[in-house]
């Protein structure tokens, strides 16, 4: 009874505006009480001052004074216990309400699967204290109790019909489910619980696999970003070199033009000086002849005329035709030729331009010692290995077996082709060597090559995403995009592979006492390359990545 009184007091001591216990309670002239902040806010938003409950209007806004008695009562209610101390004990729109509370209902804490009702802590006490009620099944408060009631017979459904895969009540069992296979709902739950545990285990395993895949993809993105940054930096350096070459060539052309200009100027100046000297000489002779023509002494005239009439040889002056462009025609042709070559180079894809630029500067190693300077450590990725391939503990050797191994499902695994690929992609300059036996393909491929499907889609050398050298038939065969090229060369159980990703070259060597080039690819690589292998035809065929010092 005390609890009910407290509950009633709590309802009476609630503000009708915020529906919470009164805070700083005030009573207005009509007798209704509110939180001081609530009634102030209410009146601030209204043009008139009226009571929210009885609607009585006041001409002058009443002065609000704290109601000390209500304030003390509110404090007493708060101290009475959790059920009366705060509004979170009341059921909200999203809560399950107690079925036995009258008036404003409290939150239910438990639901009884026998009584098919929900109880707050106060009304739940008999289930803890009364012997028959102690045997009832209590669960967390739920609003779905009605789903446990048979819609036809209004009885609790405690039986599961395995024939129809549905819950039924005991009346259903006696009627339309009479000859069906049935068990108790608890027994079916126990059986399903075992399946649930297995399903959870499978889900958790898939989560772990996908998280691993996410980490791998994260590393791949990281590698792509690093490779892109490195390539951008290298391309900027190449462009700078190209600009320097252009500036150097421009300077050379300018220097040649200026040199030609000076030579022609000196030639013309020398000719000008000769002509000026000849003109002075002719003017002097003309003056002497003029004076001689005026003399009256016949003897002097005759003696002098013979010497003055003799002229020196005239300066040989070439035919002058002022055409400035002719002087530097060869220079213009050279500059135009250079421009045309540069335009042709720049009109190509950037990667092709860089490749042609690097082909001049970057030379492939010749001796094995030079190749070993680019040696890289490669390991095989077990997640990519076909189930018929057995990998060594170090993941550096693979063998084709007759027995299919039990392996986990993985999107990177090659099925059904007997292939395996490396863990890491390669860029830059790299060199590795492979020992082989049986019949194998030594290949490189992009990481997005198909892992399942036809041989064209995922077989090394049969598509545009992979390049492969076939070993083991007496001759070598190079394969790319389903095109095969027969190659002759010294047989060796050790093959060296040299990759210059930036220059777009991929070379295969037969390694004996010397390095014997078998085949070289010149192309444009758009992604990191992953070494890969196909082992076939003979059980026991092997490939092994050599340790290079």
Protein backbone atom coordinates (compact mmCIF):
# COMPACT_ATOMS: atom_id res chain seq x y z
CA UNK A 1 0.00 0.00 0.00
CA UNK A 2 2.86 2.34 0.82
CA UNK A 3 4.25 1.83 -2.68
CA UNK A 4 0.87 2.60 -4.24
CA UNK A 5 0.60 5.79 -2.16
CA UNK A 6 4.04 6.89 -3.27
CA UNK A 7 3.13 6.14 -6.84
CA UNK A 8 -0.07 8.20 -6.53
CA UNK A 9 1.84 11.05 -4.90
CA UNK A 10 4.38 10.96 -7.69
CA UNK A 11 1.69 11.36 -10.32
CA UNK A 12 0.17 14.29 -8.39
CA UNK A 13 3.57 15.88 -8.01
CA UNK A 14 4.30 15.81 -11.73
CA UNK A 15 4.36 18.90 -13.94
CA UNK A 16 1.64 18.72 -16.59
CA UNK A 17 3.93 20.53 -19.06
CA UNK A 18 7.08 18.33 -18.93
CA UNK A 19 5.35 15.27 -17.27
CA UNK A 20 8.34 15.03 -14.92
CA UNK A 21 8.51 15.46 -11.15
CA UNK A 22 8.22 19.12 -10.25
CA UNK A 23 11.49 21.05 -10.27
CA UNK A 24 11.44 24.30 -8.26
CA UNK A 25 7.62 23.94 -7.97
CA UNK A 26 5.46 27.10 -8.12
CA UNK A 27 1.68 27.44 -7.75
CA UNK A 28 -0.17 30.06 -9.80
CA UNK A 29 -3.36 31.85 -8.50
CA UNK A 30 -5.77 29.24 -9.93
CA UNK A 31 -4.06 26.58 -7.72
CA UNK A 32 -2.26 24.49 -10.33
CA UNK A 33 1.44 23.81 -9.87
CA UNK A 34 4.27 23.66 -12.43
CA UNK A 35 8.04 23.67 -12.68
CA UNK A 36 9.18 27.28 -12.50
CA UNK A 37 11.17 27.02 -15.76
CA UNK A 38 8.30 25.23 -17.55
CA UNK A 39 5.62 27.84 -16.78
CA UNK A 40 8.05 30.70 -17.52
CA UNK A 41 8.88 29.22 -20.92
CA UNK A 42 5.18 28.54 -21.59
CA UNK A 43 4.21 32.16 -20.85
CA UNK A 44 7.25 33.56 -22.77
CA UNK A 45 5.96 31.83 -25.90
CA UNK A 46 2.36 33.08 -25.48
CA UNK A 47 0.89 36.55 -25.96
CA UNK A 48 -1.50 35.99 -23.02
CA UNK A 49 -0.82 34.52 -19.57
CA UNK A 50 -3.13 31.57 -18.92
CA UNK A 51 -3.08 28.28 -16.99
CA UNK A 52 -2.18 25.32 -19.27
CA UNK A 53 -4.72 23.12 -17.41
CA UNK A 54 -7.83 25.22 -16.58
CA UNK A 55 -7.14 27.92 -19.23
CA UNK A 56 -7.82 30.76 -16.77
CA UNK A 57 -6.32 33.96 -18.19
CA UNK A 58 -4.53 36.68 -16.16
CA UNK A 59 -4.38 40.29 -17.28
CA UNK A 60 -1.11 40.83 -15.43
CA UNK A 61 1.52 38.09 -15.51
CA UNK A 62 1.52 36.52 -12.03
CA UNK A 63 4.64 36.71 -9.92
CA UNK A 64 6.06 33.20 -9.43
CA UNK A 65 7.09 32.15 -5.93
CA UNK A 66 8.56 28.74 -5.04
CA UNK A 67 6.09 26.35 -3.29
CA UNK A 68 8.18 25.04 -0.38
CA UNK A 69 5.67 22.34 0.68
CA UNK A 70 5.57 20.78 -2.83
CA UNK A 71 9.34 20.99 -3.00
CA UNK A 72 9.65 18.95 0.22
CA UNK A 73 7.09 16.40 -0.99
CA UNK A 74 9.01 15.95 -4.24
CA UNK A 75 12.20 15.29 -2.27
CA UNK A 76 10.36 12.70 -0.14
CA UNK A 77 9.08 10.92 -3.25
CA UNK A 78 12.60 10.85 -4.72
CA UNK A 79 13.95 9.27 -1.53
CA UNK A 80 11.17 6.64 -1.46
CA UNK A 81 12.85 4.40 -4.07
CA UNK A 82 13.65 3.87 -7.72
CA UNK A 83 10.03 3.23 -8.66
CA UNK A 84 9.11 6.74 -7.55
CA UNK A 85 12.32 8.67 -7.90
CA UNK A 86 12.55 9.29 -11.61
CA UNK A 87 10.53 9.23 -14.77
CA UNK A 88 12.61 6.43 -16.33
CA UNK A 89 10.49 3.96 -14.20
CA UNK A 90 7.47 4.84 -16.33
CA UNK A 91 6.92 3.08 -19.64
CA UNK A 92 7.55 5.20 -22.69
CA UNK A 93 6.33 4.60 -26.26
CA UNK A 94 9.26 2.24 -26.96
CA UNK A 95 9.07 0.38 -23.63
CA UNK A 96 7.10 -2.69 -22.52
CA UNK A 97 4.48 -1.61 -19.96
CA UNK A 98 3.52 -3.57 -16.85
CA UNK A 99 0.20 -5.34 -17.45
CA UNK A 100 -0.84 -5.00 -13.76
CA UNK A 101 -0.14 -1.29 -13.14
CA UNK A 102 -3.17 1.00 -12.97
CA UNK A 103 -3.06 4.60 -14.06
CA UNK A 104 0.32 5.56 -15.50
CA UNK A 105 2.09 2.25 -16.10
CA UNK A 106 5.64 1.46 -15.06
CA UNK A 107 8.21 -0.23 -17.25
CA UNK A 108 8.08 -4.00 -17.22
CA UNK A 109 11.34 -5.70 -16.25
CA UNK A 110 10.30 -9.32 -16.96
CA UNK A 111 7.74 -11.22 -19.01
CA UNK A 112 6.32 -14.57 -17.86
CA UNK A 113 5.97 -17.22 -20.58
CA UNK A 114 3.43 -19.12 -18.44
CA UNK A 115 1.22 -16.22 -17.38
CA UNK A 116 1.79 -14.56 -20.77
CA UNK A 117 2.04 -11.18 -19.04
CA UNK A 118 4.73 -8.57 -18.31
CA UNK A 119 5.52 -7.24 -14.81
CA UNK A 120 7.28 -4.28 -13.27
CA UNK A 121 9.57 -4.97 -10.30
CA UNK A 122 6.72 -4.33 -7.84
CA UNK A 123 4.22 -6.71 -9.42
CA UNK A 124 6.91 -9.28 -10.19
CA UNK A 125 7.58 -10.00 -6.51
CA UNK A 126 5.02 -12.89 -6.24
CA UNK A 127 6.99 -14.80 -8.90
CA UNK A 128 9.93 -14.69 -6.51
CA UNK A 129 8.04 -15.41 -3.30
CA UNK A 130 5.06 -17.70 -4.15
CA UNK A 131 6.12 -21.35 -4.61
CA UNK A 132 3.93 -22.22 -7.67
CA UNK A 133 4.94 -19.02 -9.44
CA UNK A 134 8.65 -19.65 -8.88
CA UNK A 135 8.49 -22.42 -11.51
CA UNK A 136 7.29 -20.03 -14.20
CA UNK A 137 9.71 -19.14 -17.00
CA UNK A 138 10.72 -15.49 -16.77
CA UNK A 139 12.45 -13.70 -19.67
CA UNK A 140 13.49 -10.16 -20.43
CA UNK A 141 10.43 -7.97 -20.93
CA UNK A 142 9.11 -8.37 -24.46
CA UNK A 143 6.20 -6.98 -26.42
CA UNK A 144 5.97 -10.14 -28.54
CA UNK A 145 4.20 -12.36 -26.00
CA UNK A 146 1.09 -12.43 -28.16
CA UNK A 147 3.09 -14.22 -30.83
CA UNK A 148 3.29 -17.21 -28.47
CA UNK A 149 -0.52 -17.52 -28.37
CA UNK A 150 -2.23 -19.82 -30.88
CA UNK A 151 -4.46 -17.59 -33.05
CA UNK A 152 -7.07 -20.38 -33.42
CA UNK A 153 -7.34 -21.73 -29.87
CA UNK A 154 -5.98 -18.82 -27.80
CA UNK A 155 -3.60 -21.22 -26.01
CA UNK A 156 0.14 -21.01 -25.43
CA UNK A 157 2.09 -22.75 -28.21
CA UNK A 158 4.53 -25.09 -26.43
CA UNK A 159 4.83 -27.74 -29.15
CA UNK A 160 6.81 -27.70 -32.41
CA UNK A 161 5.52 -29.58 -35.46
CA UNK A 162 8.51 -30.79 -37.46
CA UNK A 163 6.26 -31.89 -40.31
CA UNK A 164 4.94 -28.36 -40.91
CA UNK A 165 7.91 -26.57 -39.29
CA UNK A 166 5.74 -24.40 -37.02
CA UNK A 167 4.82 -23.92 -33.36
CA UNK A 168 1.43 -25.22 -32.24
CA UNK A 169 -0.65 -25.55 -29.05
CA UNK A 170 -1.87 -28.81 -27.48
CA UNK A 171 -5.29 -28.40 -29.13
CA UNK A 172 -3.64 -28.15 -32.56
CA UNK A 173 -1.85 -31.43 -31.73
CA UNK A 174 -5.17 -33.13 -31.19
CA UNK A 175 -6.64 -31.72 -34.39
CA UNK A 176 -4.93 -31.01 -37.75
CA UNK A 177 -1.42 -31.99 -36.51
CA UNK A 178 -2.58 -35.32 -35.00
CA UNK A 179 -0.35 -37.64 -37.09
CA UNK A 180 2.56 -35.23 -37.52
CA UNK A 181 6.04 -35.52 -36.04
CA UNK A 182 6.08 -33.23 -33.03
CA UNK A 183 8.39 -32.41 -30.14
CA UNK A 184 8.35 -29.89 -27.37
CA UNK A 185 9.38 -26.39 -28.27
CA UNK A 186 12.21 -26.68 -25.74
CA UNK A 187 13.56 -29.87 -27.40
CA UNK A 188 13.42 -28.27 -30.85
CA UNK A 189 15.14 -25.19 -29.47
CA UNK A 190 17.96 -27.37 -28.07
CA UNK A 191 18.41 -29.01 -31.47
CA UNK A 192 18.37 -25.71 -33.30
CA UNK A 193 20.78 -24.29 -30.73
CA UNK A 194 23.41 -26.78 -31.91
CA UNK A 195 22.92 -25.68 -35.52
CA UNK A 196 23.08 -22.08 -34.41
CA UNK A 197 26.47 -22.67 -32.78
CA UNK A 198 27.76 -24.23 -36.01
CA UNK A 199 26.39 -21.38 -38.08
CA UNK A 200 28.00 -18.84 -35.79
CA UNK A 201 31.31 -20.64 -36.08
CA UNK A 202 31.06 -20.56 -39.88
CA UNK A 203 30.12 -16.89 -39.83
CA UNK A 204 32.98 -16.02 -37.50
CA UNK A 205 35.40 -17.93 -39.73
CA UNK A 206 34.14 -16.05 -42.77
CA UNK A 207 34.49 -12.79 -40.87
CA UNK A 208 38.11 -13.66 -40.08
CA UNK A 209 38.74 -14.59 -43.72
CA UNK A 210 37.18 -11.36 -44.94
CA UNK A 211 39.14 -9.33 -42.41
CA UNK A 212 42.31 -10.98 -43.70
CA UNK A 213 41.22 -10.12 -47.23
CA UNK A 214 40.60 -6.54 -46.12
CA UNK A 215 44.12 -6.37 -44.67
CA UNK A 216 45.53 -7.76 -47.92
CA UNK A 217 43.52 -5.22 -49.93
CA UNK A 218 44.70 -2.49 -47.59
CA UNK A 219 48.29 -3.53 -48.21
CA UNK A 220 47.58 -3.65 -51.93
CA UNK A 221 46.18 -0.12 -51.87
CA UNK A 222 49.22 0.94 -49.89
CA UNK A 223 51.51 -0.70 -52.46
CA UNK A 224 49.57 0.93 -55.31
CA UNK A 225 49.89 4.35 -53.66
CA UNK A 226 53.60 3.89 -53.00
CA UNK A 227 54.15 2.68 -56.56
CA UNK A 228 52.12 5.57 -57.96
CA UNK A 229 54.03 8.12 -55.85
CA UNK A 230 57.34 6.59 -56.91
CA UNK A 231 56.29 6.54 -60.57
CA UNK A 232 55.12 10.16 -60.40
CA UNK A 233 58.45 11.18 -58.88
CA UNK A 234 60.41 9.23 -61.49
CA UNK A 235 58.27 10.60 -64.33
CA UNK A 236 58.85 14.13 -63.03
CA UNK A 237 62.59 13.47 -63.08
CA UNK A 238 62.32 12.11 -66.62
CA UNK A 239 60.34 15.15 -67.73
CA UNK A 240 62.94 17.40 -66.10
CA UNK A 241 65.65 15.53 -68.00
CA UNK A 242 63.63 15.98 -71.18
CA UNK A 243 63.27 19.71 -70.51
CA UNK A 244 67.00 19.95 -69.84
CA UNK A 245 67.72 18.13 -73.11
CA UNK A 246 65.38 20.47 -74.97
CA UNK A 247 67.00 23.51 -73.39
CA UNK A 248 70.45 22.12 -74.17
CA UNK A 249 69.46 21.40 -77.77
CA UNK A 250 67.89 24.85 -78.06
CA UNK A 251 71.10 26.39 -76.76
CA UNK A 252 73.13 24.38 -79.27
CA UNK A 253 70.90 25.45 -82.15
CA UNK A 254 71.04 29.07 -81.00
CA UNK A 255 74.83 28.87 -80.72
CA UNK A 256 75.11 27.39 -84.22
CA UNK A 257 72.86 30.11 -85.61
CA UNK A 258 74.87 32.83 -83.92
CA UNK A 259 78.09 31.25 -85.14
CA UNK A 260 76.72 31.12 -88.67
CA UNK A 261 75.57 34.71 -88.27
CA UNK A 262 79.05 35.83 -87.24
CA UNK A 263 80.69 33.91 -90.10
CA UNK A 264 78.37 35.47 -92.66
CA UNK A 265 78.82 38.91 -91.11
CA UNK A 266 82.63 38.57 -91.31
CA UNK A 267 82.37 37.38 -94.94
CA UNK A 268 80.21 40.34 -95.91
CA UNK A 269 82.34 42.78 -93.91
CA UNK A 270 85.51 41.59 -95.64
CA UNK A 271 83.85 41.99 -99.03
CA UNK A 272 82.61 45.45 -98.01
CA UNK A 273 86.15 46.54 -97.09
CA UNK A 274 87.51 45.33 -100.44
CA UNK A 275 84.78 47.18 -102.30
CA UNK A 276 85.34 50.35 -100.28
CA UNK A 277 89.07 50.20 -101.01
CA UNK A 278 88.38 49.65 -104.73
CA UNK A 279 85.94 52.57 -104.74
CA UNK A 280 88.53 54.86 -103.12
CA UNK A 281 91.12 53.77 -105.67
CA UNK A 282 88.75 54.39 -108.56
CA UNK A 283 87.78 57.82 -107.22
CA UNK A 284 91.45 58.77 -106.94
CA UNK A 285 92.13 57.57 -110.52
CA UNK A 286 89.06 59.44 -111.79
CA UNK A 287 90.31 62.65 -110.17
CA UNK A 288 93.77 62.23 -111.75
CA UNK A 289 92.25 61.60 -115.17
CA UNK A 290 90.05 64.64 -114.78
CA UNK A 291 93.08 66.81 -113.98
CA UNK A 292 95.02 65.25 -116.88
CA UNK A 293 92.19 66.10 -119.27
CA UNK A 294 92.59 69.77 -118.38
CA UNK A 295 96.36 70.00 -118.98
CA UNK A 296 97.55 71.94 -122.09
CA UNK A 297 100.93 70.25 -122.20
CA UNK A 298 100.62 67.59 -124.88
CA UNK A 299 103.85 65.84 -123.96
CA UNK A 300 102.85 65.61 -120.26
CA UNK A 301 99.40 64.28 -121.25
CA UNK A 302 100.86 61.56 -123.40
CA UNK A 303 103.44 60.52 -120.85
CA UNK A 304 100.94 60.38 -117.98
CA UNK A 305 97.94 58.88 -119.77
CA UNK A 306 99.47 55.46 -120.38
CA UNK A 307 100.09 54.93 -116.67
CA UNK A 308 96.75 56.40 -115.54
CA UNK A 309 94.63 54.57 -118.06
CA UNK A 310 95.71 51.15 -116.77
CA UNK A 311 93.16 49.88 -114.17
CA UNK A 312 93.72 47.13 -111.61
CA UNK A 313 91.55 44.00 -111.71
CA UNK A 314 88.05 44.50 -110.34
CA UNK A 315 87.01 42.78 -107.09
CA UNK A 316 85.04 39.63 -107.78
CA UNK A 317 81.60 40.25 -106.18
CA UNK A 318 79.06 37.40 -106.22
CA UNK A 319 75.56 38.06 -107.42
CA UNK A 320 73.79 39.61 -104.44
CA UNK A 321 70.22 38.55 -103.74
CA UNK A 322 69.07 39.49 -100.28
CA UNK A 323 67.08 36.45 -98.99
CA UNK A 324 67.70 36.22 -95.22
CA UNK A 325 65.89 32.90 -94.79
CA UNK A 326 68.34 31.20 -97.16
CA UNK A 327 71.29 31.91 -94.88
CA UNK A 328 69.87 29.70 -92.09
CA UNK A 329 67.76 27.28 -94.11
CA UNK A 330 69.71 24.25 -92.86
CA UNK A 331 69.35 25.50 -89.28
CA UNK A 332 65.60 25.86 -89.71
CA UNK A 333 65.35 22.38 -91.16
CA UNK A 334 67.26 20.95 -88.20
CA UNK A 335 65.06 22.77 -85.66
CA UNK A 336 61.90 21.71 -87.53
CA UNK A 337 63.08 18.09 -87.60
CA UNK A 338 63.73 18.21 -83.84
CA UNK A 339 60.28 19.71 -83.24
CA UNK A 340 58.58 17.00 -85.31
CA UNK A 341 60.36 14.23 -83.40
CA UNK A 342 59.43 15.81 -80.07
CA UNK A 343 55.78 16.21 -81.10
CA UNK A 344 55.65 12.58 -82.18
CA UNK A 345 57.09 11.45 -78.86
CA UNK A 346 54.78 13.63 -76.77
CA UNK A 347 51.68 12.59 -78.72
CA UNK A 348 52.14 9.01 -77.47
CA UNK A 349 50.90 7.72 -74.12
CA UNK A 350 53.03 9.05 -71.22
CA UNK A 351 54.21 5.56 -70.33
CA UNK A 352 55.42 4.88 -73.89
CA UNK A 353 57.29 8.17 -73.90
CA UNK A 354 58.96 7.33 -70.60
CA UNK A 355 59.84 3.88 -71.86
CA UNK A 356 61.53 5.26 -74.99
CA UNK A 357 63.40 7.79 -72.89
CA UNK A 358 64.56 5.13 -70.43
CA UNK A 359 65.56 2.72 -73.21
CA UNK A 360 68.37 5.10 -74.05
CA UNK A 361 69.62 5.37 -70.48
CA UNK A 362 68.70 2.03 -68.87
CA UNK A 363 70.54 -1.03 -70.11
CA UNK A 364 69.74 -4.59 -69.08
CA UNK A 365 72.45 -6.42 -67.10
CA UNK A 366 74.66 -8.84 -68.99
CA UNK A 367 76.50 -11.05 -66.51
CA UNK A 368 74.86 -13.09 -63.75
CA UNK A 369 76.74 -11.02 -61.20
CA UNK A 370 75.06 -7.90 -62.59
CA UNK A 371 71.64 -9.59 -62.51
CA UNK A 372 72.13 -10.61 -58.88
CA UNK A 373 72.34 -6.93 -57.93
CA UNK A 374 68.55 -6.85 -58.58
CA UNK A 375 67.78 -10.15 -56.79
CA UNK A 376 64.49 -10.17 -54.83
CA UNK A 377 63.04 -12.62 -52.32
CA UNK A 378 59.74 -14.12 -53.47
CA UNK A 379 57.37 -16.41 -51.54
CA UNK A 380 54.27 -18.23 -52.73
CA UNK A 381 50.83 -17.35 -51.37
CA UNK A 382 49.13 -20.52 -49.98
CA UNK A 383 45.69 -18.90 -50.42
CA UNK A 384 46.22 -18.95 -54.21
CA UNK A 385 47.47 -22.56 -54.47
CA UNK A 386 45.27 -25.14 -56.23
CA UNK A 387 44.25 -28.00 -53.85
CA UNK A 388 46.42 -30.45 -55.84
CA UNK A 389 49.56 -28.39 -55.17
CA UNK A 390 51.66 -29.02 -52.08
CA UNK A 391 53.76 -26.08 -50.78
CA UNK A 392 56.89 -26.30 -48.64
CA UNK A 393 56.98 -24.85 -45.13
CA UNK A 394 58.91 -21.83 -46.43
CA UNK A 395 56.35 -21.31 -49.24
CA UNK A 396 59.17 -21.28 -51.80
CA UNK A 397 58.57 -24.67 -53.44
CA UNK A 398 55.46 -26.22 -55.01
CA UNK A 399 54.80 -29.80 -56.19
CA UNK A 400 51.90 -31.34 -58.12
CA UNK A 401 50.37 -34.23 -56.15
CA UNK A 402 47.88 -36.94 -57.01
CA UNK A 403 45.77 -36.26 -53.92
CA UNK A 404 43.53 -33.23 -53.48
CA UNK A 405 44.40 -31.48 -50.22
CA UNK A 406 41.73 -30.23 -47.82
CA UNK A 407 42.02 -26.43 -47.98
CA UNK A 408 39.73 -23.58 -46.98
CA UNK A 409 37.69 -21.79 -49.60
CA UNK A 410 39.26 -18.51 -50.66
CA UNK A 411 38.48 -16.10 -53.54
CA UNK A 412 42.19 -15.96 -54.46
CA UNK A 413 42.51 -19.73 -54.93
CA UNK A 414 42.99 -21.05 -58.49
CA UNK A 415 40.30 -23.57 -59.41
CA UNK A 416 40.49 -25.91 -61.29
CA UNK A 417 43.89 -25.08 -62.82
CA UNK A 418 47.06 -26.28 -61.07
CA UNK A 419 48.47 -22.82 -60.46
CA UNK A 420 49.93 -20.76 -57.62
CA UNK A 421 50.96 -17.12 -57.39
CA UNK A 422 53.34 -15.08 -55.21
CA UNK A 423 52.34 -13.10 -52.14
CA UNK A 424 53.68 -9.74 -53.30
CA UNK A 425 53.56 -7.78 -56.54
CA UNK A 426 56.74 -6.46 -58.16
CA UNK A 427 57.60 -3.09 -59.64
CA UNK A 428 60.91 -1.50 -60.56
CA UNK A 429 63.87 -3.74 -61.52
CA UNK A 430 63.72 -7.29 -60.11
CA UNK A 431 65.49 -10.60 -60.78
CA UNK A 432 64.69 -14.12 -59.58
CA UNK A 433 65.62 -17.68 -60.52
CA UNK A 434 63.49 -20.82 -60.60
CA UNK A 435 64.48 -24.50 -60.49
CA UNK A 436 61.96 -26.72 -62.26
CA UNK A 437 61.25 -30.35 -63.11
CA UNK A 438 58.53 -32.12 -65.09
CA UNK A 439 56.49 -29.68 -67.20
CA UNK A 440 55.84 -26.19 -65.88
CA UNK A 441 54.94 -22.65 -66.82
CA UNK A 442 57.06 -19.87 -65.32
CA UNK A 443 54.90 -16.76 -65.47
CA UNK A 444 54.05 -13.29 -64.24
CA UNK A 445 50.49 -11.97 -64.00
CA UNK A 446 48.37 -9.09 -62.75
CA UNK A 447 46.67 -9.69 -59.40
CA UNK A 448 43.19 -9.32 -60.92
CA UNK A 449 43.58 -12.36 -63.19
CA UNK A 450 40.56 -14.69 -62.86
CA UNK A 451 40.93 -17.54 -60.36
CA UNK A 452 38.10 -19.71 -61.66
CA UNK A 453 36.54 -20.38 -65.02
CA UNK A 454 37.92 -21.36 -68.41
CA UNK A 455 41.57 -21.85 -69.24
CA UNK A 456 41.42 -18.67 -71.35
CA UNK A 457 40.27 -16.61 -68.35
CA UNK A 458 42.67 -17.83 -65.68
CA UNK A 459 45.38 -19.95 -67.35
CA UNK A 460 48.81 -18.29 -67.34
CA UNK A 461 49.78 -17.15 -70.85
CA UNK A 462 46.25 -17.53 -72.23
CA UNK A 463 45.06 -13.97 -71.65
CA UNK A 464 46.25 -10.36 -71.76
CA UNK A 465 46.88 -10.33 -68.01
CA UNK A 466 49.72 -12.88 -67.94
CA UNK A 467 53.00 -13.78 -69.67
CA UNK A 468 54.43 -17.31 -69.38
CA UNK A 469 57.43 -19.43 -70.48
CA UNK A 470 56.66 -23.16 -70.91
CA UNK A 471 59.49 -25.54 -69.95
CA UNK A 472 59.71 -29.31 -70.24
CA UNK A 473 58.96 -30.23 -73.88
CA UNK A 474 62.53 -30.22 -75.24
CA UNK A 475 61.97 -26.67 -76.46
CA UNK A 476 60.75 -23.54 -74.80
CA UNK A 477 57.41 -21.94 -75.70
CA UNK A 478 56.47 -18.39 -74.80
CA UNK A 479 52.74 -17.74 -74.32
CA UNK A 480 50.76 -14.50 -74.05
CA UNK A 481 47.08 -13.83 -74.80
CA UNK A 482 46.72 -17.38 -76.29
CA UNK A 483 49.54 -16.71 -78.79
CA UNK A 484 52.41 -19.26 -78.62
CA UNK A 485 55.97 -18.62 -79.82
CA UNK A 486 58.40 -21.53 -80.16
CA UNK A 487 61.83 -20.66 -78.73
CA UNK A 488 65.11 -22.50 -79.13
CA UNK A 489 67.86 -22.22 -76.57
CA UNK A 490 70.15 -24.19 -74.28
CA UNK A 491 68.17 -26.48 -71.96
CA UNK A 492 68.59 -25.77 -68.26
CA UNK A 493 66.72 -26.73 -65.12
CA UNK A 494 67.25 -23.16 -63.86
CA UNK A 495 65.46 -20.21 -65.44
CA UNK A 496 66.26 -16.59 -64.61
CA UNK A 497 63.60 -13.90 -64.94
CA UNK A 498 64.47 -10.20 -65.14
CA UNK A 499 61.75 -7.53 -64.89
CA UNK A 500 62.17 -3.84 -65.55
CA UNK A 501 58.63 -2.70 -64.82
CA UNK A 502 59.20 0.96 -65.63
CA UNK A 503 60.87 0.24 -68.99
CA UNK A 504 58.23 -2.41 -69.78
CA UNK A 505 60.71 -5.25 -70.33
CA UNK A 506 60.40 -8.87 -69.17
CA UNK A 507 63.26 -11.25 -70.02
CA UNK A 508 63.64 -15.02 -69.57
CA UNK A 509 67.14 -16.54 -69.38
CA UNK A 510 68.46 -20.09 -69.43
CA UNK A 511 71.00 -20.06 -66.61
CA UNK A 512 74.04 -22.26 -67.24
CA UNK A 513 77.61 -21.11 -66.92
CA UNK A 514 76.46 -18.07 -68.83
CA UNK A 515 73.22 -16.09 -69.13
CA UNK A 516 71.42 -17.16 -72.32
CA UNK A 517 68.53 -14.94 -73.37
CA UNK A 518 65.52 -17.02 -74.39
CA UNK A 519 62.88 -14.36 -74.91
CA UNK A 520 62.30 -10.69 -74.13
CA UNK A 521 58.95 -8.91 -73.89
CA UNK A 522 58.69 -5.18 -74.64
CA UNK A 523 55.31 -3.78 -73.57
CA UNK A 524 53.64 -1.40 -71.13
CA UNK A 525 52.83 -2.79 -67.67
CA UNK A 526 49.89 -1.06 -65.99
CA UNK A 527 49.88 -2.94 -62.63
CA UNK A 528 52.36 -4.65 -60.30
CA UNK A 529 53.33 -8.11 -61.57
CA UNK A 530 53.03 -11.28 -59.47
CA UNK A 531 55.29 -14.27 -60.28
CA UNK A 532 53.20 -17.40 -60.80
CA UNK A 533 53.56 -21.06 -61.82
CA UNK A 534 51.52 -23.79 -63.49
CA UNK A 535 52.53 -27.41 -62.83
CA UNK A 536 50.98 -30.04 -65.02
CA UNK A 537 51.14 -33.20 -67.12
CA UNK A 538 53.23 -35.13 -64.60
CA UNK A 539 52.54 -35.83 -60.93
CA UNK A 540 55.66 -34.78 -59.07
CA UNK A 541 56.39 -31.74 -61.25
CA UNK A 542 58.06 -29.07 -59.09
CA UNK A 543 59.11 -25.45 -59.11
CA UNK A 544 61.36 -23.86 -56.50
CA UNK A 545 62.28 -20.23 -56.01
CA UNK A 546 66.07 -20.14 -55.58
CA UNK A 547 67.77 -18.30 -52.75
CA UNK A 548 70.07 -15.76 -54.38
CA UNK A 549 73.04 -14.23 -52.61
